[in-house]
Amino acid sequence: MDSVTKQDSPKEDFLWGLVKKDYFSMKPLGEGSYGQVMKCISKFDGKPYAIKLLANKFDNVHDLKHLVREIHIMR
């Protein structure tokens, strides 16, 4: 399994640890204001996925609205 790039907090380390249980070949794709995006391969179906880790984005209503808008656009 490839190493994950530097994380900002123990909480993010914990969350990426959960992702590693179901995915491998984690490679960074990018990082933005809402979090880090990693390319991962599913251990269940072998398909590639882009996973965005969001940390502490539910504390602020303004950020949450932007996040919901981004998810809607990506669908």
PDB file of N, CA and C in Angstrom:
ATOM      1  N   MET A   1       0.848  -1.170   0.000  1.00  0.00           N
ATOM      2  CA  MET A   1       0.000   0.000   0.000  1.00  0.00           C
ATOM      3  C   MET A   1       0.889   1.227   0.000  1.00  0.00           C
ATOM      4  N   ASP A   2       0.581   2.179  -0.860  1.00  0.00           N
ATOM      5  CA  ASP A   2       1.344   3.410  -0.914  1.00  0.00           C
ATOM      6  C   ASP A   2       1.083   4.257   0.315  1.00  0.00           C
ATOM      7  N   SER A   3       2.041   5.056   0.669  1.00  0.00           N
ATOM      8  CA  SER A   3       1.868   5.893   1.846  1.00  0.00           C
ATOM      9  C   SER A   3       0.972   7.081   1.524  1.00  0.00           C
ATOM     10  N   VAL A   4       0.282   7.528   2.516  1.00  0.00           N
ATOM     11  CA  VAL A   4      -0.574   8.695   2.404  1.00  0.00           C
ATOM     12  C   VAL A   4       0.285   9.907   2.714  1.00  0.00           C
ATOM     13  N   THR A   5       0.013  11.011   2.044  1.00  0.00           N
ATOM     14  CA  THR A   5       0.785  12.216   2.293  1.00  0.00           C
ATOM     15  C   THR A   5       0.522  12.733   3.691  1.00  0.00           C
ATOM     16  N   LYS A   6       1.333  13.677   4.130  1.00  0.00           N
ATOM     17  CA  LYS A   6       1.250  14.231   5.488  1.00  0.00           C
ATOM     18  C   LYS A   6      -0.169  14.691   5.805  1.00  0.00           C
ATOM     19  N   GLN A   7      -0.632  14.340   6.957  1.00  0.00           N
ATOM     20  CA  GLN A   7      -1.964  14.723   7.410  1.00  0.00           C
ATOM     21  C   GLN A   7      -1.860  15.886   8.386  1.00  0.00           C
ATOM     22  N   ASP A   8      -2.974  16.597   8.553  1.00  0.00           N
ATOM     23  CA  ASP A   8      -2.982  17.769   9.416  1.00  0.00           C
ATOM     24  C   ASP A   8      -3.309  17.458  10.864  1.00  0.00           C
ATOM     25  N   SER A   9      -3.925  16.330  11.140  1.00  0.00           N
ATOM     26  CA  SER A   9      -4.359  16.072  12.502  1.00  0.00           C
ATOM     27  C   SER A   9      -4.467  14.576  12.768  1.00  0.00           C
ATOM     28  N   PRO A  10      -4.461  14.199  14.044  1.00  0.00           N
ATOM     29  CA  PRO A  10      -4.680  12.786  14.386  1.00  0.00           C
ATOM     30  C   PRO A  10      -6.049  12.289  13.912  1.00  0.00           C
ATOM     31  N   LYS A  11      -7.038  13.184  13.891  1.00  0.00           N
ATOM     32  CA  LYS A  11      -8.373  12.812  13.424  1.00  0.00           C
ATOM     33  C   LYS A  11      -8.318  12.408  11.945  1.00  0.00           C
ATOM     34  N   GLU A  12      -7.574  13.165  11.137  1.00  0.00           N
ATOM     35  CA  GLU A  12      -7.443  12.825   9.722  1.00  0.00           C
ATOM     36  C   GLU A  12      -6.685  11.514   9.558  1.00  0.00           C
ATOM     37  N   ASP A  13      -5.647  11.312  10.367  1.00  0.00           N
ATOM     38  CA  ASP A  13      -4.915  10.037  10.327  1.00  0.00           C
ATOM     39  C   ASP A  13      -5.867   8.883  10.616  1.00  0.00           C
ATOM     40  N   PHE A  14      -6.736   9.054  11.593  1.00  0.00           N
ATOM     41  CA  PHE A  14      -7.709   8.021  11.949  1.00  0.00           C
ATOM     42  C   PHE A  14      -8.674   7.764  10.786  1.00  0.00           C
ATOM     43  N   LEU A  15      -9.172   8.839  10.168  1.00  0.00           N
ATOM     44  CA  LEU A  15     -10.132   8.688   9.073  1.00  0.00           C
ATOM     45  C   LEU A  15      -9.495   8.000   7.868  1.00  0.00           C
ATOM     46  N   TRP A  16      -8.247   8.371   7.518  1.00  0.00           N
ATOM     47  CA  TRP A  16      -7.574   7.697   6.408  1.00  0.00           C
ATOM     48  C   TRP A  16      -7.308   6.235   6.769  1.00  0.00           C
ATOM     49  N   GLY A  17      -7.075   5.954   8.032  1.00  0.00           N
ATOM     50  CA  GLY A  17      -6.904   4.567   8.466  1.00  0.00           C
ATOM     51  C   GLY A  17      -8.151   3.744   8.181  1.00  0.00           C
ATOM     52  N   LEU A  18      -9.327   4.344   8.375  1.00  0.00           N
ATOM     53  CA  LEU A  18     -10.583   3.653   8.065  1.00  0.00           C
ATOM     54  C   LEU A  18     -10.713   3.401   6.567  1.00  0.00           C
ATOM     55  N   VAL A  19     -10.299   4.375   5.760  1.00  0.00           N
ATOM     56  CA  VAL A  19     -10.365   4.222   4.308  1.00  0.00           C
ATOM     57  C   VAL A  19      -9.446   3.084   3.859  1.00  0.00           C
ATOM     58  N   LYS A  20      -8.274   2.970   4.486  1.00  0.00           N
ATOM     59  CA  LYS A  20      -7.295   1.949   4.106  1.00  0.00           C
ATOM     60  C   LYS A  20      -7.812   0.532   4.315  1.00  0.00           C
ATOM     61  N   LYS A  21      -8.817   0.363   5.158  1.00  0.00           N
ATOM     62  CA  LYS A  21      -9.376  -0.971   5.383  1.00  0.00           C
ATOM     63  C   LYS A  21     -10.061  -1.511   4.132  1.00  0.00           C
ATOM     64  N   ASP A  22     -10.625  -0.615   3.317  1.00  0.00           N
ATOM     65  CA  ASP A  22     -11.394  -1.037   2.146  1.00  0.00           C
ATOM     66  C   ASP A  22     -10.742  -0.684   0.810  1.00  0.00           C
ATOM     67  N   TYR A  23      -9.647   0.076   0.837  1.00  0.00           N
ATOM     68  CA  TYR A  23      -9.006   0.537  -0.403  1.00  0.00           C
ATOM     69  C   TYR A  23      -7.497   0.408  -0.310  1.00  0.00           C
ATOM     70  N   PHE A  24      -6.831   0.244  -1.479  1.00  0.00           N
ATOM     71  CA  PHE A  24      -5.389   0.330  -1.518  1.00  0.00           C
ATOM     72  C   PHE A  24      -4.933   1.218  -2.657  1.00  0.00           C
ATOM     73  N   SER A  25      -3.614   1.291  -2.831  1.00  0.00           N
ATOM     74  CA  SER A  25      -2.992   2.145  -3.849  1.00  0.00           C
ATOM     75  C   SER A  25      -3.435   3.592  -3.692  1.00  0.00           C
ATOM     76  N   MET A  26      -3.332   4.088  -2.496  1.00  0.00           N
ATOM     77  CA  MET A  26      -3.749   5.457  -2.230  1.00  0.00           C
ATOM     78  C   MET A  26      -2.665   6.419  -2.711  1.00  0.00           C
ATOM     79  N   LYS A  27      -3.034   7.237  -3.703  1.00  0.00           N
ATOM     80  CA  LYS A  27      -2.122   8.228  -4.260  1.00  0.00           C
ATOM     81  C   LYS A  27      -2.809   9.584  -4.241  1.00  0.00           C
ATOM     82  N   PRO A  28      -2.104  10.623  -3.857  1.00  0.00           N
ATOM     83  CA  PRO A  28      -2.736  11.945  -3.814  1.00  0.00           C
ATOM     84  C   PRO A  28      -3.093  12.451  -5.206  1.00  0.00           C
ATOM     85  N   LEU A  29      -4.297  12.990  -5.329  1.00  0.00           N
ATOM     86  CA  LEU A  29      -4.735  13.620  -6.572  1.00  0.00           C
ATOM     87  C   LEU A  29      -4.748  15.130  -6.445  1.00  0.00           C
ATOM     88  N   GLY A  30      -4.971  15.608  -5.237  1.00  0.00           N
ATOM     89  CA  GLY A  30      -5.022  17.049  -5.044  1.00  0.00           C
ATOM     90  C   GLY A  30      -5.491  17.401  -3.659  1.00  0.00           C
ATOM     91  N   GLU A  31      -5.427  18.682  -3.381  1.00  0.00           N
ATOM     92  CA  GLU A  31      -5.848  19.183  -2.090  1.00  0.00           C
ATOM     93  C   GLU A  31      -6.470  20.554  -2.289  1.00  0.00           C
ATOM     94  N   GLY A  32      -7.566  20.790  -1.609  1.00  0.00           N
ATOM     95  CA  GLY A  32      -8.246  22.070  -1.739  1.00  0.00           C
ATOM     96  C   GLY A  32      -8.755  22.547  -0.403  1.00  0.00           C
ATOM     97  N   SER A  33      -9.637  23.515  -0.457  1.00  0.00           N
ATOM     98  CA  SER A  33     -10.138  24.119   0.775  1.00  0.00           C
ATOM     99  C   SER A  33     -10.999  23.157   1.583  1.00  0.00           C
ATOM    100  N   TYR A  34     -11.575  22.149   0.931  1.00  0.00           N
ATOM    101  CA  TYR A  34     -12.441  21.217   1.644  1.00  0.00           C
ATOM    102  C   TYR A  34     -11.760  19.929   2.046  1.00  0.00           C
ATOM    103  N   GLY A  35     -10.548  19.697   1.623  1.00  0.00           N
ATOM    104  CA  GLY A  35      -9.862  18.489   2.043  1.00  0.00           C
ATOM    105  C   GLY A  35      -8.937  17.939   0.984  1.00  0.00           C
ATOM    106  N   GLN A  36      -8.402  16.773   1.274  1.00  0.00           N
ATOM    107  CA  GLN A  36      -7.449  16.099   0.408  1.00  0.00           C
ATOM    108  C   GLN A  36      -8.172  15.016  -0.386  1.00  0.00           C
ATOM    109  N   VAL A  37      -7.813  14.870  -1.672  1.00  0.00           N
ATOM    110  CA  VAL A  37      -8.408  13.860  -2.531  1.00  0.00           C
ATOM    111  C   VAL A  37      -7.340  12.824  -2.868  1.00  0.00           C
ATOM    112  N   MET A  38      -7.706  11.553  -2.700  1.00  0.00           N
ATOM    113  CA  MET A  38      -6.787  10.450  -2.970  1.00  0.00           C
ATOM    114  C   MET A  38      -7.410   9.518  -3.994  1.00  0.00           C
ATOM    115  N   LYS A  39      -6.575   8.981  -4.898  1.00  0.00           N
ATOM    116  CA  LYS A  39      -7.014   7.935  -5.810  1.00  0.00           C
ATOM    117  C   LYS A  39      -6.821   6.604  -5.095  1.00  0.00           C
ATOM    118  N   CYS A  40      -7.883   5.829  -4.998  1.00  0.00           N
ATOM    119  CA  CYS A  40      -7.856   4.564  -4.266  1.00  0.00           C
ATOM    120  C   CYS A  40      -8.465   3.459  -5.121  1.00  0.00           C
ATOM    121  N   ILE A  41      -8.002   2.244  -4.895  1.00  0.00           N
ATOM    122  CA  ILE A  41      -8.551   1.069  -5.570  1.00  0.00           C
ATOM    123  C   ILE A  41      -9.332   0.260  -4.538  1.00  0.00           C
ATOM    124  N   SER A  42     -10.571  -0.041  -4.862  1.00  0.00           N
ATOM    125  CA  SER A  42     -11.423  -0.791  -3.944  1.00  0.00           C
ATOM    126  C   SER A  42     -10.931  -2.222  -3.791  1.00  0.00           C
ATOM    127  N   LYS A  43     -10.877  -2.707  -2.575  1.00  0.00           N
ATOM    128  CA  LYS A  43     -10.530  -4.103  -2.320  1.00  0.00           C
ATOM    129  C   LYS A  43     -11.688  -5.028  -2.688  1.00  0.00           C
ATOM    130  N   PHE A  44     -12.902  -4.481  -2.827  1.00  0.00           N
ATOM    131  CA  PHE A  44     -14.082  -5.292  -3.108  1.00  0.00           C
ATOM    132  C   PHE A  44     -14.302  -5.528  -4.592  1.00  0.00           C
ATOM    133  N   ASP A  45     -14.161  -4.459  -5.410  1.00  0.00           N
ATOM    134  CA  ASP A  45     -14.453  -4.618  -6.836  1.00  0.00           C
ATOM    135  C   ASP A  45     -13.276  -4.279  -7.745  1.00  0.00           C
ATOM    136  N   GLY A  46     -12.147  -3.832  -7.190  1.00  0.00           N
ATOM    137  CA  GLY A  46     -10.964  -3.533  -7.977  1.00  0.00           C
ATOM    138  C   GLY A  46     -11.051  -2.265  -8.805  1.00  0.00           C
ATOM    139  N   LYS A  47     -12.118  -1.498  -8.648  1.00  0.00           N
ATOM    140  CA  LYS A  47     -12.306  -0.269  -9.421  1.00  0.00           C
ATOM    141  C   LYS A  47     -11.640   0.916  -8.715  1.00  0.00           C
ATOM    142  N   PRO A  48     -11.168   1.876  -9.505  1.00  0.00           N
ATOM    143  CA  PRO A  48     -10.573   3.077  -8.908  1.00  0.00           C
ATOM    144  C   PRO A  48     -11.658   4.061  -8.463  1.00  0.00           C
ATOM    145  N   TYR A  49     -11.379   4.732  -7.369  1.00  0.00           N
ATOM    146  CA  TYR A  49     -12.278   5.750  -6.839  1.00  0.00           C
ATOM    147  C   TYR A  49     -11.454   6.943  -6.383  1.00  0.00           C
ATOM    148  N   ALA A  50     -12.046   8.114  -6.437  1.00  0.00           N
ATOM    149  CA  ALA A  50     -11.446   9.305  -5.851  1.00  0.00           C
ATOM    150  C   ALA A  50     -12.171   9.540  -4.538  1.00  0.00           C
ATOM    151  N   ILE A  51     -11.418   9.592  -3.456  1.00  0.00           N
ATOM    152  CA  ILE A  51     -12.008   9.775  -2.131  1.00  0.00           C
ATOM    153  C   ILE A  51     -11.509  11.089  -1.555  1.00  0.00           C
ATOM    154  N   LYS A  52     -12.440  11.906  -1.116  1.00  0.00           N
ATOM    155  CA  LYS A  52     -12.086  13.191  -0.518  1.00  0.00           C
ATOM    156  C   LYS A  52     -12.334  13.103   0.978  1.00  0.00           C
ATOM    157  N   LEU A  53     -11.301  13.349   1.751  1.00  0.00           N
ATOM    158  CA  LEU A  53     -11.426  13.350   3.199  1.00  0.00           C
ATOM    159  C   LEU A  53     -11.781  14.759   3.649  1.00  0.00           C
ATOM    160  N   LEU A  54     -12.893  14.874   4.336  1.00  0.00           N
ATOM    161  CA  LEU A  54     -13.360  16.156   4.843  1.00  0.00           C
ATOM    162  C   LEU A  54     -13.234  16.150   6.352  1.00  0.00           C
ATOM    163  N   ALA A  55     -12.483  17.074   6.875  1.00  0.00           N
ATOM    164  CA  ALA A  55     -12.312  17.163   8.324  1.00  0.00           C
ATOM    165  C   ALA A  55     -12.836  18.506   8.817  1.00  0.00           C
ATOM    166  N   ASN A  56     -13.653  18.457   9.830  1.00  0.00           N
ATOM    167  CA  ASN A  56     -14.163  19.665  10.497  1.00  0.00           C
ATOM    168  C   ASN A  56     -14.929  20.592   9.557  1.00  0.00           C
ATOM    169  N   LYS A  57     -15.629  20.056   8.588  1.00  0.00           N
ATOM    170  CA  LYS A  57     -16.399  20.898   7.677  1.00  0.00           C
ATOM    171  C   LYS A  57     -17.863  20.981   8.066  1.00  0.00           C
ATOM    172  N   PHE A  58     -18.228  20.368   9.159  1.00  0.00           N
ATOM    173  CA  PHE A  58     -19.610  20.415   9.588  1.00  0.00           C
ATOM    174  C   PHE A  58     -19.807  21.361  10.757  1.00  0.00           C
ATOM    175  N   ASP A  59     -18.769  22.119  11.081  1.00  0.00           N
ATOM    176  CA  ASP A  59     -18.839  23.068  12.187  1.00  0.00           C
ATOM    177  C   ASP A  59     -19.426  24.406  11.749  1.00  0.00           C
ATOM    178  N   ASN A  60     -19.341  24.709  10.471  1.00  0.00           N
ATOM    179  CA  ASN A  60     -19.726  26.018   9.968  1.00  0.00           C
ATOM    180  C   ASN A  60     -20.821  25.837   8.914  1.00  0.00           C
ATOM    181  N   VAL A  61     -21.945  26.512   9.087  1.00  0.00           N
ATOM    182  CA  VAL A  61     -23.084  26.369   8.173  1.00  0.00           C
ATOM    183  C   VAL A  61     -22.710  26.840   6.770  1.00  0.00           C
ATOM    184  N   HIS A  62     -21.943  27.901   6.664  1.00  0.00           N
ATOM    185  CA  HIS A  62     -21.524  28.432   5.360  1.00  0.00           C
ATOM    186  C   HIS A  62     -20.708  27.382   4.598  1.00  0.00           C
ATOM    187  N   ASP A  63     -19.725  26.774   5.279  1.00  0.00           N
ATOM    188  CA  ASP A  63     -18.916  25.734   4.646  1.00  0.00           C
ATOM    189  C   ASP A  63     -19.760  24.526   4.262  1.00  0.00           C
ATOM    190  N   LEU A  64     -20.706  24.183   5.103  1.00  0.00           N
ATOM    191  CA  LEU A  64     -21.572  23.030   4.838  1.00  0.00           C
ATOM    192  C   LEU A  64     -22.417  23.264   3.585  1.00  0.00           C
ATOM    193  N   LYS A  65     -22.924  24.469   3.394  1.00  0.00           N
ATOM    194  CA  LYS A  65     -23.709  24.779   2.193  1.00  0.00           C
ATOM    195  C   LYS A  65     -22.854  24.642   0.936  1.00  0.00           C
ATOM    196  N   HIS A  66     -21.621  25.119   0.995  1.00  0.00           N
ATOM    197  CA  HIS A  66     -20.718  24.998  -0.146  1.00  0.00           C
ATOM    198  C   HIS A  66     -20.406  23.534  -0.435  1.00  0.00           C
ATOM    199  N   LEU A  67     -20.239  22.763   0.603  1.00  0.00           N
ATOM    200  CA  LEU A  67     -19.946  21.338   0.454  1.00  0.00           C
ATOM    201  C   LEU A  67     -21.109  20.609  -0.217  1.00  0.00           C
ATOM    202  N   VAL A  68     -22.325  20.880   0.222  1.00  0.00           N
ATOM    203  CA  VAL A  68     -23.507  20.251  -0.369  1.00  0.00           C
ATOM    204  C   VAL A  68     -23.618  20.642  -1.843  1.00  0.00           C
ATOM    205  N   ARG A  69     -23.338  21.890  -2.160  1.00  0.00           N
ATOM    206  CA  ARG A  69     -23.366  22.353  -3.551  1.00  0.00           C
ATOM    207  C   ARG A  69     -22.317  21.595  -4.381  1.00  0.00           C
ATOM    208  N   GLU A  70     -21.130  21.425  -3.844  1.00  0.00           N
ATOM    209  CA  GLU A  70     -20.062  20.710  -4.561  1.00  0.00           C
ATOM    210  C   GLU A  70     -20.453  19.254  -4.811  1.00  0.00           C
ATOM    211  N   ILE A  71     -21.039  18.608  -3.822  1.00  0.00           N
ATOM    212  CA  ILE A  71     -21.475  17.209  -3.980  1.00  0.00           C
ATOM    213  C   ILE A  71     -22.549  17.123  -5.061  1.00  0.00           C
ATOM    214  N   HIS A  72     -23.465  18.059  -5.064  1.00  0.00           N
ATOM    215  CA  HIS A  72     -24.540  18.064  -6.069  1.00  0.00           C
ATOM    216  C   HIS A  72     -23.941  18.220  -7.470  1.00  0.00           C
ATOM    217  N   ILE A  73     -22.967  19.093  -7.644  1.00  0.00           N
ATOM    218  CA  ILE A  73     -22.323  19.303  -8.939  1.00  0.00           C
ATOM    219  C   ILE A  73     -21.583  18.065  -9.393  1.00  0.00           C
ATOM    220  N   MET A  74     -20.898  17.391  -8.461  1.00  0.00           N
ATOM    221  CA  MET A  74     -20.118  16.202  -8.828  1.00  0.00           C
ATOM    222  C   MET A  74     -20.987  15.021  -9.233  1.00  0.00           C
ATOM    223  N   ARG A  75     -22.221  14.986  -8.785  1.00  0.00           N
ATOM    224  CA  ARG A  75     -23.114  13.883  -9.162  1.00  0.00           C
ATOM    225  C   ARG A  75     -23.379  13.939 -10.635  1.00  0.00           C
TER     226      ARG A  75
END
